[in-house]
Amino acid sequence: MALNILLDRFPNLRSDPDRPPRFLPSLSMTGVRELPLLF
């Protein structure tokens, strides 16, 4: 599920510049679970 979320967020961030705001709060909600995956 984490991979799906990441794949959904990455293209959205690059496609729509208005998506980042939504991506930031998502990181806070998930915590450090996706941080290592992002890097």
Protein backbone atom coordinates (compact mmCIF):
# COMPACT_ATOMS: atom_id res chain seq x y z
CA MET A 1 0.00 0.00 0.00
CA ALA A 2 2.87 2.35 0.79
CA LEU A 3 4.26 1.89 -2.71
CA ASN A 4 0.89 2.72 -4.25
CA ILE A 5 0.65 5.90 -2.19
CA LEU A 6 4.18 6.96 -3.13
CA LEU A 7 3.57 6.29 -6.82
CA ASP A 8 0.36 8.29 -6.60
CA ARG A 9 2.05 11.21 -4.87
CA PHE A 10 5.20 11.48 -6.98
CA PRO A 11 3.44 11.87 -10.36
CA ASN A 12 0.90 14.21 -8.78
CA LEU A 13 3.66 16.42 -7.40
CA ARG A 14 5.36 16.66 -10.79
CA SER A 15 2.15 16.94 -12.80
CA ASP A 16 0.25 19.44 -10.66
CA PRO A 17 2.12 22.20 -8.79
CA ASP A 18 -0.98 22.61 -6.61
CA ARG A 19 -0.62 19.09 -5.19
CA PRO A 20 2.48 19.64 -2.97
CA PRO A 21 0.38 21.28 -0.20
CA ARG A 22 -1.57 18.03 0.03
CA PHE A 23 1.62 15.98 -0.02
CA LEU A 24 3.18 17.77 2.95
CA PRO A 25 0.37 17.02 5.45
CA SER A 26 0.33 13.43 4.20
CA LEU A 27 3.93 13.00 5.36
CA SER A 28 2.98 14.19 8.83
CA MET A 29 0.06 11.77 8.99
CA THR A 30 2.16 8.77 7.96
CA GLY A 31 5.12 9.85 10.07
CA VAL A 32 8.52 8.25 9.53
CA ARG A 33 7.04 5.22 7.78
CA GLU A 34 7.38 6.76 4.32
CA LEU A 35 10.37 8.98 5.04
CA PRO A 36 12.89 6.17 4.47
CA LEU A 37 10.97 5.09 1.36
CA LEU A 38 11.13 8.60 -0.08
CA PHE A 39 14.90 8.65 0.32
